[in-house]
């Protein structure tokens, strides 16, 4: 279901589809969800090094640690931090690219932007817009980097040969898993919407929610 996104600032959201009404949910992330997301992030930090040990063995893991993570010269330090920065930038770009490709495959338009967050500083993000978005489609687009990049990076870790290759594969695996915390939080939010709900985003990143009229009535009655 497509929509012409040329709307005024005061009336940007499209009219509801037939049988739907606008819905303005109040999202409050429960403490236990925050705890679970924290456990996920810590699990990635602890689990990926253990995964390297399981896949490559303790001796190889210690060799990678010494050759990559413990530079012994000024040039080595420069190379190390250059590698950290370059891999991080590439990883962030790849993460958002997977979001964008998945969204495009589902028929959405995409907009790339840099957003400033209290935690994480300036962060790239892809906005999907241009049509009504089901809960399922939203979850697919949101989880795509976790489901695509992680298996590829683990597969690369298995076949990687050489300390820098192993370290890079492990770094990408760790970064993608830990960096998926925000995506998992978004998935939790989307799953709280009523069954059959639609989302709509514009290219500025604004969001509007729509739910079947009977669902809206039930929600209002409960409140």
N, C-alpha and C. Protein backbone atom coordinates (compact mmCIF):
# COMPACT_ATOMS: atom_id res chain seq x y z
N UNK A 1 0.86 -1.18 0.00
CA UNK A 1 0.00 0.00 0.00
C UNK A 1 0.90 1.23 0.00
N UNK A 2 0.93 2.00 -1.09
CA UNK A 2 1.85 3.11 -1.25
C UNK A 2 1.19 4.42 -0.86
N UNK A 3 2.03 5.43 -0.67
CA UNK A 3 1.51 6.74 -0.28
C UNK A 3 2.45 7.81 -0.78
N UNK A 4 1.89 8.90 -1.31
CA UNK A 4 2.68 10.04 -1.73
C UNK A 4 3.15 10.77 -0.47
N UNK A 5 4.46 10.84 -0.27
CA UNK A 5 5.00 11.34 0.98
C UNK A 5 5.08 12.86 1.05
N UNK A 6 4.55 13.58 0.05
CA UNK A 6 4.61 15.04 0.05
C UNK A 6 3.48 15.57 0.92
N UNK A 7 3.74 15.72 2.21
CA UNK A 7 2.75 16.18 3.18
C UNK A 7 3.27 17.46 3.84
N UNK A 8 2.38 18.29 4.34
CA UNK A 8 2.79 19.46 5.09
C UNK A 8 3.27 19.05 6.46
N UNK A 9 4.00 19.95 7.14
CA UNK A 9 4.54 19.62 8.46
C UNK A 9 3.44 19.36 9.47
N UNK A 10 2.28 19.98 9.29
CA UNK A 10 1.20 19.82 10.26
C UNK A 10 0.26 18.67 9.92
N UNK A 11 0.42 18.10 8.75
CA UNK A 11 -0.49 17.03 8.34
C UNK A 11 0.27 16.03 7.48
N UNK A 12 1.34 15.50 8.06
CA UNK A 12 2.23 14.67 7.26
C UNK A 12 1.74 13.23 7.13
N UNK A 13 1.02 12.73 8.13
CA UNK A 13 0.65 11.31 8.13
C UNK A 13 -0.52 11.06 7.19
N UNK A 14 -0.49 9.95 6.45
CA UNK A 14 -1.59 9.62 5.55
C UNK A 14 -2.85 9.23 6.31
N UNK A 15 -3.99 9.33 5.63
CA UNK A 15 -5.24 8.87 6.22
C UNK A 15 -5.16 7.37 6.49
N UNK A 16 -5.86 6.89 7.50
CA UNK A 16 -5.82 5.45 7.81
C UNK A 16 -6.37 4.63 6.64
N UNK A 17 -5.85 3.42 6.44
CA UNK A 17 -6.46 2.51 5.47
C UNK A 17 -7.90 2.21 5.89
N UNK A 18 -8.68 1.72 4.94
CA UNK A 18 -10.08 1.39 5.25
C UNK A 18 -10.15 0.36 6.38
N UNK A 19 -10.98 0.64 7.37
CA UNK A 19 -11.13 -0.25 8.51
C UNK A 19 -10.12 -0.02 9.62
N UNK A 20 -9.31 1.03 9.46
CA UNK A 20 -8.27 1.33 10.45
C UNK A 20 -8.48 2.73 11.02
N UNK A 21 -7.83 2.96 12.15
CA UNK A 21 -7.85 4.28 12.76
C UNK A 21 -6.44 4.58 13.27
N UNK A 22 -6.12 5.88 13.40
CA UNK A 22 -4.82 6.23 13.96
C UNK A 22 -4.74 5.79 15.42
N UNK A 23 -3.55 5.41 15.80
CA UNK A 23 -3.34 4.84 17.13
C UNK A 23 -2.06 5.43 17.70
N UNK A 24 -2.12 5.95 18.90
CA UNK A 24 -0.96 6.58 19.54
C UNK A 24 -0.60 5.82 20.81
N UNK A 25 0.21 4.78 20.67
CA UNK A 25 0.54 3.96 21.84
C UNK A 25 1.52 4.67 22.77
N UNK A 26 1.48 4.31 24.01
CA UNK A 26 2.45 4.79 24.99
C UNK A 26 3.42 3.64 25.28
N UNK A 27 4.65 3.80 24.80
CA UNK A 27 5.63 2.73 24.96
C UNK A 27 6.50 3.02 26.19
N UNK A 28 6.49 2.12 27.13
CA UNK A 28 7.37 2.20 28.29
C UNK A 28 8.09 0.86 28.39
N UNK A 29 9.40 0.88 28.18
CA UNK A 29 10.15 -0.37 28.20
C UNK A 29 10.27 -0.88 29.64
N UNK A 30 9.76 -2.08 29.92
CA UNK A 30 9.83 -2.62 31.28
C UNK A 30 11.28 -2.85 31.71
N UNK A 31 11.49 -2.87 32.99
CA UNK A 31 12.84 -3.05 33.52
C UNK A 31 13.43 -4.38 33.09
N UNK A 32 12.58 -5.41 33.02
CA UNK A 32 13.12 -6.74 32.69
C UNK A 32 13.59 -6.81 31.24
N UNK A 33 12.97 -6.02 30.36
CA UNK A 33 13.45 -5.97 28.98
C UNK A 33 14.82 -5.30 28.94
N UNK A 34 14.98 -4.22 29.70
CA UNK A 34 16.27 -3.55 29.79
C UNK A 34 17.34 -4.49 30.32
N UNK A 35 16.99 -5.27 31.34
CA UNK A 35 17.93 -6.23 31.91
C UNK A 35 18.31 -7.29 30.88
N UNK A 36 17.32 -7.81 30.16
CA UNK A 36 17.59 -8.84 29.15
C UNK A 36 18.48 -8.30 28.04
N UNK A 37 18.26 -7.06 27.63
CA UNK A 37 19.10 -6.46 26.60
C UNK A 37 20.52 -6.26 27.12
N UNK A 38 20.64 -5.90 28.39
CA UNK A 38 21.97 -5.79 28.98
C UNK A 38 22.69 -7.13 29.03
N UNK A 39 21.95 -8.17 29.38
CA UNK A 39 22.52 -9.52 29.40
C UNK A 39 22.97 -9.92 28.00
N UNK A 40 22.16 -9.57 26.99
CA UNK A 40 22.53 -9.87 25.60
C UNK A 40 23.87 -9.21 25.25
N UNK A 41 24.02 -7.92 25.59
CA UNK A 41 25.24 -7.19 25.27
C UNK A 41 26.45 -7.78 25.99
N UNK A 42 26.28 -8.06 27.28
CA UNK A 42 27.38 -8.66 28.05
C UNK A 42 27.69 -10.06 27.52
N UNK A 43 26.64 -10.79 27.16
CA UNK A 43 26.85 -12.12 26.60
C UNK A 43 27.65 -12.10 25.32
N UNK A 44 27.43 -11.06 24.50
CA UNK A 44 28.21 -10.93 23.27
C UNK A 44 29.68 -10.67 23.58
N UNK A 45 29.93 -9.78 24.53
CA UNK A 45 31.31 -9.42 24.90
C UNK A 45 32.05 -10.63 25.48
N UNK A 46 31.35 -11.42 26.27
CA UNK A 46 31.97 -12.60 26.89
C UNK A 46 31.95 -13.79 25.94
N UNK A 47 30.86 -13.94 25.22
CA UNK A 47 30.66 -15.15 24.42
C UNK A 47 31.51 -15.23 23.17
N UNK A 48 31.74 -14.10 22.51
CA UNK A 48 32.50 -14.15 21.25
C UNK A 48 33.94 -14.60 21.48
N UNK A 49 34.68 -14.06 22.47
CA UNK A 49 36.02 -14.61 22.72
C UNK A 49 36.00 -16.10 23.03
N UNK A 50 34.99 -16.55 23.79
CA UNK A 50 34.88 -17.99 24.06
C UNK A 50 34.62 -18.76 22.77
N UNK A 51 33.82 -18.16 21.87
CA UNK A 51 33.56 -18.80 20.58
C UNK A 51 34.85 -18.94 19.77
N UNK A 52 35.70 -17.92 19.83
CA UNK A 52 36.98 -17.98 19.13
C UNK A 52 37.82 -19.13 19.68
N UNK A 53 37.82 -19.27 20.99
CA UNK A 53 38.58 -20.37 21.61
C UNK A 53 38.04 -21.72 21.15
N UNK A 54 36.71 -21.85 21.12
CA UNK A 54 36.10 -23.12 20.70
C UNK A 54 36.43 -23.43 19.25
N UNK A 55 36.36 -22.42 18.38
CA UNK A 55 36.55 -22.65 16.95
C UNK A 55 38.02 -22.78 16.59
N UNK A 56 38.86 -21.91 17.14
CA UNK A 56 40.26 -21.84 16.72
C UNK A 56 41.23 -22.49 17.70
N UNK A 57 40.76 -22.77 18.90
CA UNK A 57 41.65 -23.34 19.90
C UNK A 57 42.30 -22.26 20.74
N UNK A 58 42.73 -22.64 21.93
CA UNK A 58 43.29 -21.68 22.87
C UNK A 58 44.61 -21.10 22.37
N UNK A 59 45.47 -21.93 21.78
CA UNK A 59 46.78 -21.44 21.32
C UNK A 59 46.62 -20.37 20.24
N UNK A 60 45.77 -20.63 19.27
CA UNK A 60 45.54 -19.65 18.20
C UNK A 60 44.93 -18.37 18.76
N UNK A 61 44.01 -18.51 19.70
CA UNK A 61 43.37 -17.34 20.31
C UNK A 61 44.40 -16.49 21.03
N UNK A 62 45.30 -17.11 21.77
CA UNK A 62 46.34 -16.36 22.47
C UNK A 62 47.30 -15.70 21.49
N UNK A 63 47.58 -16.36 20.38
CA UNK A 63 48.44 -15.77 19.36
C UNK A 63 47.79 -14.53 18.75
N UNK A 64 46.49 -14.64 18.45
CA UNK A 64 45.76 -13.48 17.92
C UNK A 64 45.78 -12.34 18.92
N UNK A 65 45.57 -12.66 20.18
CA UNK A 65 45.57 -11.65 21.23
C UNK A 65 46.90 -10.91 21.29
N UNK A 66 47.99 -11.65 21.23
CA UNK A 66 49.32 -11.04 21.32
C UNK A 66 49.67 -10.25 20.07
N UNK A 67 49.36 -10.80 18.89
CA UNK A 67 49.79 -10.17 17.64
C UNK A 67 48.92 -8.98 17.24
N UNK A 68 47.65 -9.00 17.64
CA UNK A 68 46.73 -7.94 17.21
C UNK A 68 46.42 -6.96 18.34
N UNK A 69 46.09 -7.48 19.50
CA UNK A 69 45.59 -6.63 20.58
C UNK A 69 46.67 -6.08 21.49
N UNK A 70 47.90 -6.53 21.32
CA UNK A 70 49.00 -6.05 22.16
C UNK A 70 50.14 -5.52 21.28
N UNK A 71 49.94 -4.40 20.58
CA UNK A 71 51.01 -3.85 19.74
C UNK A 71 52.20 -3.43 20.60
N UNK A 72 53.39 -3.64 20.06
CA UNK A 72 54.61 -3.39 20.84
C UNK A 72 55.43 -2.22 20.31
N UNK A 73 54.91 -1.49 19.32
CA UNK A 73 55.64 -0.35 18.77
C UNK A 73 54.65 0.76 18.44
N UNK A 74 55.19 1.96 18.19
CA UNK A 74 54.33 3.08 17.83
C UNK A 74 53.57 2.80 16.55
N UNK A 75 54.27 2.26 15.57
CA UNK A 75 53.62 1.92 14.30
C UNK A 75 52.53 0.88 14.54
N UNK A 76 52.83 -0.09 15.40
CA UNK A 76 51.83 -1.10 15.72
C UNK A 76 50.59 -0.52 16.37
N UNK A 77 50.78 0.47 17.24
CA UNK A 77 49.65 1.13 17.89
C UNK A 77 48.81 1.88 16.86
N UNK A 78 49.48 2.59 15.94
CA UNK A 78 48.76 3.32 14.88
C UNK A 78 47.96 2.35 14.02
N UNK A 79 48.58 1.24 13.64
CA UNK A 79 47.89 0.24 12.83
C UNK A 79 46.70 -0.33 13.59
N UNK A 80 46.89 -0.59 14.87
CA UNK A 80 45.83 -1.18 15.69
C UNK A 80 44.61 -0.26 15.75
N UNK A 81 44.83 1.01 16.09
CA UNK A 81 43.69 1.92 16.21
C UNK A 81 43.09 2.26 14.85
N UNK A 82 43.92 2.25 13.81
CA UNK A 82 43.38 2.42 12.46
C UNK A 82 42.48 1.27 12.07
N UNK A 83 42.91 0.07 12.44
CA UNK A 83 42.08 -1.13 12.18
C UNK A 83 40.77 -1.07 12.95
N UNK A 84 40.84 -0.68 14.22
CA UNK A 84 39.63 -0.56 15.04
C UNK A 84 38.64 0.41 14.39
N UNK A 85 39.14 1.59 14.00
CA UNK A 85 38.27 2.62 13.43
C UNK A 85 37.71 2.20 12.08
N UNK A 86 38.57 1.69 11.21
CA UNK A 86 38.14 1.31 9.86
C UNK A 86 37.12 0.17 9.90
N UNK A 87 37.37 -0.81 10.75
CA UNK A 87 36.44 -1.94 10.85
C UNK A 87 35.11 -1.50 11.44
N UNK A 88 35.16 -0.60 12.43
CA UNK A 88 33.92 -0.10 13.03
C UNK A 88 33.08 0.66 12.01
N UNK A 89 33.73 1.53 11.24
CA UNK A 89 33.00 2.30 10.22
C UNK A 89 32.39 1.36 9.18
N UNK A 90 33.19 0.39 8.72
CA UNK A 90 32.69 -0.57 7.73
C UNK A 90 31.54 -1.39 8.29
N UNK A 91 31.65 -1.77 9.56
CA UNK A 91 30.62 -2.59 10.20
C UNK A 91 29.31 -1.81 10.33
N UNK A 92 29.40 -0.54 10.76
CA UNK A 92 28.20 0.29 10.87
C UNK A 92 27.55 0.49 9.51
N UNK A 93 28.39 0.74 8.50
CA UNK A 93 27.85 0.92 7.16
C UNK A 93 27.19 -0.34 6.63
N UNK A 94 27.82 -1.49 6.87
CA UNK A 94 27.25 -2.76 6.41
C UNK A 94 25.94 -3.05 7.14
N UNK A 95 25.91 -2.77 8.43
CA UNK A 95 24.69 -2.99 9.23
C UNK A 95 23.52 -2.22 8.64
N UNK A 96 23.74 -0.94 8.35
CA UNK A 96 22.66 -0.11 7.80
C UNK A 96 22.34 -0.49 6.36
N UNK A 97 23.35 -0.93 5.61
CA UNK A 97 23.12 -1.36 4.23
C UNK A 97 22.18 -2.56 4.20
N UNK A 98 22.36 -3.50 5.13
CA UNK A 98 21.48 -4.67 5.17
C UNK A 98 20.05 -4.25 5.51
N UNK A 99 19.91 -3.31 6.46
CA UNK A 99 18.58 -2.75 6.72
C UNK A 99 17.97 -2.21 5.43
N UNK A 100 18.76 -1.40 4.70
CA UNK A 100 18.25 -0.72 3.50
C UNK A 100 17.89 -1.70 2.40
N UNK A 101 18.76 -2.68 2.14
CA UNK A 101 18.51 -3.65 1.08
C UNK A 101 17.26 -4.47 1.40
N UNK A 102 17.11 -4.87 2.65
CA UNK A 102 15.93 -5.63 3.05
C UNK A 102 14.67 -4.80 2.87
N UNK A 103 14.72 -3.54 3.30
CA UNK A 103 13.55 -2.66 3.15
C UNK A 103 13.20 -2.45 1.68
N UNK A 104 14.22 -2.22 0.86
CA UNK A 104 13.98 -2.03 -0.58
C UNK A 104 13.37 -3.28 -1.20
N UNK A 105 13.84 -4.45 -0.77
CA UNK A 105 13.30 -5.70 -1.30
C UNK A 105 11.82 -5.86 -0.96
N UNK A 106 11.39 -5.25 0.14
CA UNK A 106 9.99 -5.31 0.55
C UNK A 106 9.16 -4.17 -0.04
N UNK A 107 9.81 -3.31 -0.84
CA UNK A 107 9.07 -2.26 -1.53
C UNK A 107 9.08 -0.90 -0.88
N UNK A 108 9.93 -0.71 0.13
CA UNK A 108 9.99 0.59 0.81
C UNK A 108 11.04 1.49 0.17
N UNK A 109 10.87 2.78 0.36
CA UNK A 109 11.92 3.74 0.08
C UNK A 109 12.80 3.83 1.32
N UNK A 110 14.05 4.25 1.13
CA UNK A 110 14.95 4.36 2.27
C UNK A 110 15.67 5.69 2.25
N UNK A 111 16.00 6.16 3.41
CA UNK A 111 16.73 7.42 3.58
C UNK A 111 17.83 7.19 4.60
N UNK A 112 19.06 7.53 4.22
CA UNK A 112 20.20 7.38 5.13
C UNK A 112 20.42 8.68 5.88
N UNK A 113 20.65 8.58 7.18
CA UNK A 113 20.89 9.79 7.97
C UNK A 113 21.87 9.48 9.10
N UNK A 114 22.39 10.53 9.68
CA UNK A 114 23.24 10.42 10.86
C UNK A 114 22.49 11.07 12.01
N UNK A 115 22.24 10.29 13.06
CA UNK A 115 21.48 10.79 14.20
C UNK A 115 22.37 10.84 15.43
N UNK A 116 22.12 11.82 16.29
CA UNK A 116 22.88 11.95 17.53
C UNK A 116 22.05 11.39 18.68
N UNK A 117 22.63 10.44 19.39
CA UNK A 117 21.96 9.83 20.53
C UNK A 117 22.75 10.12 21.80
N UNK A 118 22.04 10.10 22.93
CA UNK A 118 22.70 10.33 24.21
C UNK A 118 23.75 9.26 24.46
N UNK A 119 23.41 8.01 24.12
CA UNK A 119 24.36 6.91 24.24
C UNK A 119 24.78 6.49 22.84
N UNK A 120 26.08 6.52 22.56
CA UNK A 120 26.57 6.10 21.26
C UNK A 120 26.97 7.24 20.35
N UNK A 121 26.63 8.50 20.75
CA UNK A 121 27.04 9.63 19.94
C UNK A 121 26.36 9.66 18.59
N UNK A 122 27.09 10.10 17.58
CA UNK A 122 26.56 10.17 16.22
C UNK A 122 26.52 8.78 15.61
N UNK A 123 25.36 8.38 15.17
CA UNK A 123 25.15 7.01 14.70
C UNK A 123 24.40 7.02 13.37
N UNK A 124 24.88 6.25 12.38
CA UNK A 124 24.14 6.17 11.12
C UNK A 124 22.86 5.37 11.29
N UNK A 125 21.85 5.71 10.52
CA UNK A 125 20.63 4.92 10.54
C UNK A 125 19.92 5.04 9.20
N UNK A 126 19.13 4.03 8.89
CA UNK A 126 18.34 4.01 7.66
C UNK A 126 16.87 4.14 8.05
N UNK A 127 16.19 5.10 7.43
CA UNK A 127 14.76 5.29 7.65
C UNK A 127 14.01 4.63 6.50
N UNK A 128 13.04 3.81 6.81
CA UNK A 128 12.18 3.21 5.79
C UNK A 128 10.88 3.99 5.74
N UNK A 129 10.42 4.28 4.54
CA UNK A 129 9.20 5.08 4.42
C UNK A 129 8.54 4.79 3.07
N UNK A 130 7.37 5.40 2.85
CA UNK A 130 6.74 5.32 1.54
C UNK A 130 5.54 4.41 1.45
N UNK A 131 5.30 3.59 2.47
CA UNK A 131 4.13 2.73 2.45
C UNK A 131 3.82 2.26 3.86
N UNK A 132 2.62 1.74 4.04
CA UNK A 132 2.26 1.20 5.34
C UNK A 132 3.07 -0.07 5.61
N UNK A 133 3.49 -0.22 6.83
CA UNK A 133 4.41 -1.28 7.21
C UNK A 133 3.75 -2.18 8.27
N UNK A 134 3.66 -3.46 7.96
CA UNK A 134 3.08 -4.39 8.92
C UNK A 134 4.08 -4.69 10.04
N UNK A 135 3.58 -5.26 11.12
CA UNK A 135 4.47 -5.62 12.22
C UNK A 135 5.51 -6.63 11.75
N UNK A 136 5.08 -7.61 10.95
CA UNK A 136 6.01 -8.63 10.48
C UNK A 136 7.12 -8.02 9.62
N UNK A 137 6.73 -7.15 8.69
CA UNK A 137 7.73 -6.51 7.83
C UNK A 137 8.69 -5.67 8.65
N UNK A 138 8.18 -4.98 9.65
CA UNK A 138 9.05 -4.17 10.50
C UNK A 138 10.07 -5.03 11.23
N UNK A 139 9.63 -6.18 11.74
CA UNK A 139 10.54 -7.09 12.44
C UNK A 139 11.59 -7.64 11.48
N UNK A 140 11.18 -7.99 10.26
CA UNK A 140 12.12 -8.52 9.27
C UNK A 140 13.21 -7.49 8.96
N UNK A 141 12.80 -6.26 8.68
CA UNK A 141 13.77 -5.21 8.36
C UNK A 141 14.68 -4.94 9.55
N UNK A 142 14.11 -4.92 10.74
CA UNK A 142 14.89 -4.60 11.93
C UNK A 142 15.91 -5.67 12.28
N UNK A 143 15.53 -6.93 12.13
CA UNK A 143 16.42 -8.03 12.52
C UNK A 143 17.35 -8.49 11.40
N UNK A 144 17.19 -7.95 10.20
CA UNK A 144 17.97 -8.42 9.06
C UNK A 144 19.48 -8.42 9.31
N UNK A 145 20.09 -7.35 9.83
CA UNK A 145 21.54 -7.39 10.06
C UNK A 145 21.96 -8.48 11.04
N UNK A 146 21.19 -8.67 12.09
CA UNK A 146 21.52 -9.72 13.06
C UNK A 146 21.46 -11.09 12.41
N UNK A 147 20.45 -11.32 11.58
CA UNK A 147 20.23 -12.64 10.97
C UNK A 147 21.10 -12.90 9.75
N UNK A 148 21.63 -11.84 9.15
CA UNK A 148 22.44 -11.99 7.94
C UNK A 148 23.93 -11.88 8.25
N UNK A 149 24.32 -10.80 8.93
CA UNK A 149 25.74 -10.54 9.14
C UNK A 149 26.35 -11.53 10.13
N UNK A 150 25.63 -11.86 11.19
CA UNK A 150 26.20 -12.73 12.22
C UNK A 150 26.59 -14.11 11.69
N UNK A 151 25.71 -14.83 10.97
CA UNK A 151 26.14 -16.12 10.43
C UNK A 151 27.32 -16.00 9.46
N UNK A 152 27.33 -14.93 8.66
CA UNK A 152 28.43 -14.74 7.71
C UNK A 152 29.74 -14.49 8.46
N UNK A 153 29.70 -13.66 9.49
CA UNK A 153 30.92 -13.36 10.23
C UNK A 153 31.42 -14.58 11.00
N UNK A 154 30.50 -15.39 11.53
CA UNK A 154 30.92 -16.62 12.21
C UNK A 154 31.50 -17.61 11.21
N UNK A 155 30.87 -17.71 10.04
CA UNK A 155 31.42 -18.57 8.99
C UNK A 155 32.80 -18.12 8.56
N UNK A 156 32.98 -16.79 8.46
CA UNK A 156 34.30 -16.25 8.12
C UNK A 156 35.31 -16.57 9.21
N UNK A 157 34.88 -16.49 10.47
CA UNK A 157 35.76 -16.83 11.59
C UNK A 157 36.22 -18.28 11.49
N UNK A 158 35.34 -19.16 11.07
CA UNK A 158 35.69 -20.59 10.97
C UNK A 158 36.79 -20.82 9.94
N UNK A 159 36.70 -20.13 8.79
CA UNK A 159 37.66 -20.37 7.70
C UNK A 159 38.82 -19.39 7.72
N UNK A 160 38.78 -18.38 8.58
CA UNK A 160 39.82 -17.35 8.58
C UNK A 160 41.18 -17.95 8.93
N UNK A 161 42.21 -17.44 8.25
CA UNK A 161 43.58 -17.90 8.47
C UNK A 161 44.45 -16.67 8.67
N UNK A 162 45.13 -16.61 9.78
CA UNK A 162 45.95 -15.44 10.08
C UNK A 162 45.32 -14.62 11.19
N UNK A 163 46.18 -14.04 12.01
CA UNK A 163 45.70 -13.35 13.21
C UNK A 163 44.77 -12.20 12.90
N UNK A 164 45.11 -11.38 11.90
CA UNK A 164 44.28 -10.21 11.60
C UNK A 164 42.93 -10.62 11.03
N UNK A 165 42.92 -11.67 10.22
CA UNK A 165 41.65 -12.14 9.66
C UNK A 165 40.75 -12.69 10.76
N UNK A 166 41.34 -13.47 11.67
CA UNK A 166 40.56 -14.02 12.78
C UNK A 166 40.04 -12.89 13.67
N UNK A 167 40.91 -11.93 13.97
CA UNK A 167 40.51 -10.81 14.83
C UNK A 167 39.40 -9.99 14.20
N UNK A 168 39.50 -9.77 12.89
CA UNK A 168 38.47 -8.98 12.20
C UNK A 168 37.13 -9.69 12.21
N UNK A 169 37.13 -10.99 11.93
CA UNK A 169 35.88 -11.75 11.95
C UNK A 169 35.26 -11.76 13.34
N UNK A 170 36.11 -11.91 14.36
CA UNK A 170 35.60 -11.90 15.74
C UNK A 170 35.07 -10.52 16.11
N UNK A 171 35.77 -9.47 15.70
CA UNK A 171 35.36 -8.10 15.99
C UNK A 171 34.00 -7.79 15.36
N UNK A 172 33.82 -8.21 14.11
CA UNK A 172 32.55 -7.97 13.43
C UNK A 172 31.42 -8.76 14.10
N UNK A 173 31.71 -10.00 14.47
CA UNK A 173 30.69 -10.80 15.16
C UNK A 173 30.29 -10.15 16.48
N UNK A 174 31.29 -9.75 17.25
CA UNK A 174 31.01 -9.11 18.54
C UNK A 174 30.26 -7.80 18.36
N UNK A 175 30.74 -6.96 17.44
CA UNK A 175 30.11 -5.66 17.23
C UNK A 175 28.69 -5.78 16.73
N UNK A 176 28.45 -6.74 15.84
CA UNK A 176 27.10 -6.89 15.29
C UNK A 176 26.13 -7.42 16.34
N UNK A 177 26.59 -8.35 17.16
CA UNK A 177 25.73 -8.88 18.22
C UNK A 177 25.42 -7.82 19.27
N UNK A 178 26.47 -7.15 19.74
CA UNK A 178 26.27 -6.12 20.76
C UNK A 178 25.48 -4.94 20.19
N UNK A 179 25.77 -4.60 18.93
CA UNK A 179 25.09 -3.47 18.31
C UNK A 179 23.64 -3.73 17.97
N UNK A 180 23.22 -4.99 18.06
CA UNK A 180 21.83 -5.33 17.76
C UNK A 180 20.90 -5.07 18.94
N UNK A 181 21.44 -4.59 20.05
CA UNK A 181 20.60 -4.31 21.23
C UNK A 181 19.49 -3.33 20.87
N UNK A 182 19.84 -2.26 20.16
CA UNK A 182 18.82 -1.27 19.77
C UNK A 182 17.78 -1.89 18.86
N UNK A 183 18.22 -2.76 17.94
CA UNK A 183 17.27 -3.43 17.05
C UNK A 183 16.33 -4.34 17.83
N UNK A 184 16.88 -5.07 18.79
CA UNK A 184 16.04 -5.96 19.60
C UNK A 184 15.04 -5.16 20.44
N UNK A 185 15.46 -3.99 20.92
CA UNK A 185 14.53 -3.13 21.65
C UNK A 185 13.40 -2.66 20.75
N UNK A 186 13.74 -2.36 19.49
CA UNK A 186 12.72 -1.94 18.53
C UNK A 186 11.74 -3.08 18.25
N UNK A 187 12.27 -4.29 18.13
CA UNK A 187 11.40 -5.45 17.90
C UNK A 187 10.44 -5.63 19.06
N UNK A 188 10.93 -5.47 20.28
CA UNK A 188 10.03 -5.57 21.44
C UNK A 188 8.91 -4.54 21.32
N UNK A 189 9.27 -3.32 20.95
CA UNK A 189 8.28 -2.25 20.81
C UNK A 189 7.22 -2.63 19.77
N UNK A 190 7.68 -3.12 18.62
CA UNK A 190 6.75 -3.45 17.53
C UNK A 190 5.81 -4.57 17.95
N UNK A 191 6.33 -5.55 18.69
CA UNK A 191 5.49 -6.68 19.09
C UNK A 191 4.43 -6.27 20.12
N UNK A 192 4.58 -5.09 20.71
CA UNK A 192 3.56 -4.61 21.66
C UNK A 192 2.37 -3.98 20.96
N UNK A 193 2.49 -3.72 19.66
CA UNK A 193 1.37 -3.15 18.92
C UNK A 193 0.26 -4.19 18.78
N UNK A 194 -0.98 -3.76 18.70
CA UNK A 194 -2.09 -4.70 18.54
C UNK A 194 -1.95 -5.52 17.26
N UNK A 195 -2.53 -6.71 17.26
CA UNK A 195 -2.52 -7.56 16.07
C UNK A 195 -3.14 -6.83 14.89
N UNK A 196 -2.47 -6.91 13.74
CA UNK A 196 -2.99 -6.26 12.54
C UNK A 196 -2.60 -4.82 12.39
N UNK A 197 -1.81 -4.29 13.32
CA UNK A 197 -1.44 -2.88 13.28
C UNK A 197 -0.48 -2.60 12.12
N UNK A 198 -0.53 -1.36 11.64
CA UNK A 198 0.41 -0.86 10.64
C UNK A 198 1.24 0.26 11.24
N UNK A 199 2.44 0.42 10.72
CA UNK A 199 3.27 1.56 11.04
C UNK A 199 3.45 2.38 9.78
N UNK A 200 3.68 3.66 9.94
CA UNK A 200 4.03 4.49 8.79
C UNK A 200 5.11 5.47 9.22
N UNK A 201 6.19 5.53 8.44
CA UNK A 201 7.27 6.47 8.70
C UNK A 201 7.39 7.41 7.51
N UNK A 202 7.78 8.66 7.77
CA UNK A 202 8.12 9.54 6.66
C UNK A 202 9.64 9.66 6.60
N UNK A 203 10.14 10.34 5.58
CA UNK A 203 11.58 10.39 5.37
C UNK A 203 12.30 11.22 6.43
N UNK A 204 11.54 11.97 7.25
CA UNK A 204 12.14 12.72 8.34
C UNK A 204 12.26 11.88 9.61
N UNK A 205 11.74 10.65 9.58
CA UNK A 205 11.84 9.76 10.73
C UNK A 205 10.66 9.79 11.66
N UNK A 206 9.62 10.57 11.31
CA UNK A 206 8.42 10.59 12.15
C UNK A 206 7.62 9.31 11.94
N UNK A 207 6.89 8.91 12.99
CA UNK A 207 6.15 7.64 12.94
C UNK A 207 4.69 7.86 13.30
N UNK A 208 3.82 7.10 12.64
CA UNK A 208 2.40 7.07 12.98
C UNK A 208 1.97 5.62 12.96
N UNK A 209 1.08 5.27 13.89
CA UNK A 209 0.61 3.90 14.02
C UNK A 209 -0.87 3.84 13.69
N UNK A 210 -1.26 2.70 13.12
CA UNK A 210 -2.66 2.48 12.75
C UNK A 210 -3.06 1.10 13.24
N UNK A 211 -4.28 0.98 13.71
CA UNK A 211 -4.75 -0.30 14.19
C UNK A 211 -6.19 -0.51 13.73
N UNK A 212 -6.61 -1.76 13.53
CA UNK A 212 -8.01 -2.01 13.14
C UNK A 212 -8.96 -1.32 14.11
N UNK A 213 -10.07 -0.79 13.58
CA UNK A 213 -10.99 0.00 14.38
C UNK A 213 -11.47 -0.75 15.62
N UNK A 214 -11.75 -2.05 15.48
CA UNK A 214 -12.22 -2.80 16.65
C UNK A 214 -11.12 -2.89 17.71
N UNK A 215 -9.85 -2.97 17.25
CA UNK A 215 -8.74 -3.01 18.19
C UNK A 215 -8.61 -1.67 18.91
N UNK A 216 -8.80 -0.58 18.16
CA UNK A 216 -8.72 0.75 18.77
C UNK A 216 -9.80 0.92 19.83
N UNK A 217 -11.02 0.45 19.51
CA UNK A 217 -12.12 0.55 20.47
C UNK A 217 -11.83 -0.26 21.73
N UNK A 218 -11.28 -1.47 21.54
CA UNK A 218 -10.95 -2.30 22.69
C UNK A 218 -9.90 -1.64 23.56
N UNK A 219 -8.88 -1.03 22.90
CA UNK A 219 -7.81 -0.37 23.64
C UNK A 219 -8.35 0.81 24.44
N UNK A 220 -9.23 1.59 23.81
CA UNK A 220 -9.81 2.74 24.50
C UNK A 220 -10.67 2.31 25.69
N UNK A 221 -11.41 1.19 25.52
CA UNK A 221 -12.24 0.69 26.61
C UNK A 221 -11.40 0.27 27.81
N UNK A 222 -10.24 -0.37 27.50
CA UNK A 222 -9.36 -0.83 28.57
C UNK A 222 -8.75 0.33 29.33
N UNK A 223 -8.49 1.44 28.60
CA UNK A 223 -7.89 2.59 29.25
C UNK A 223 -8.91 3.41 30.03
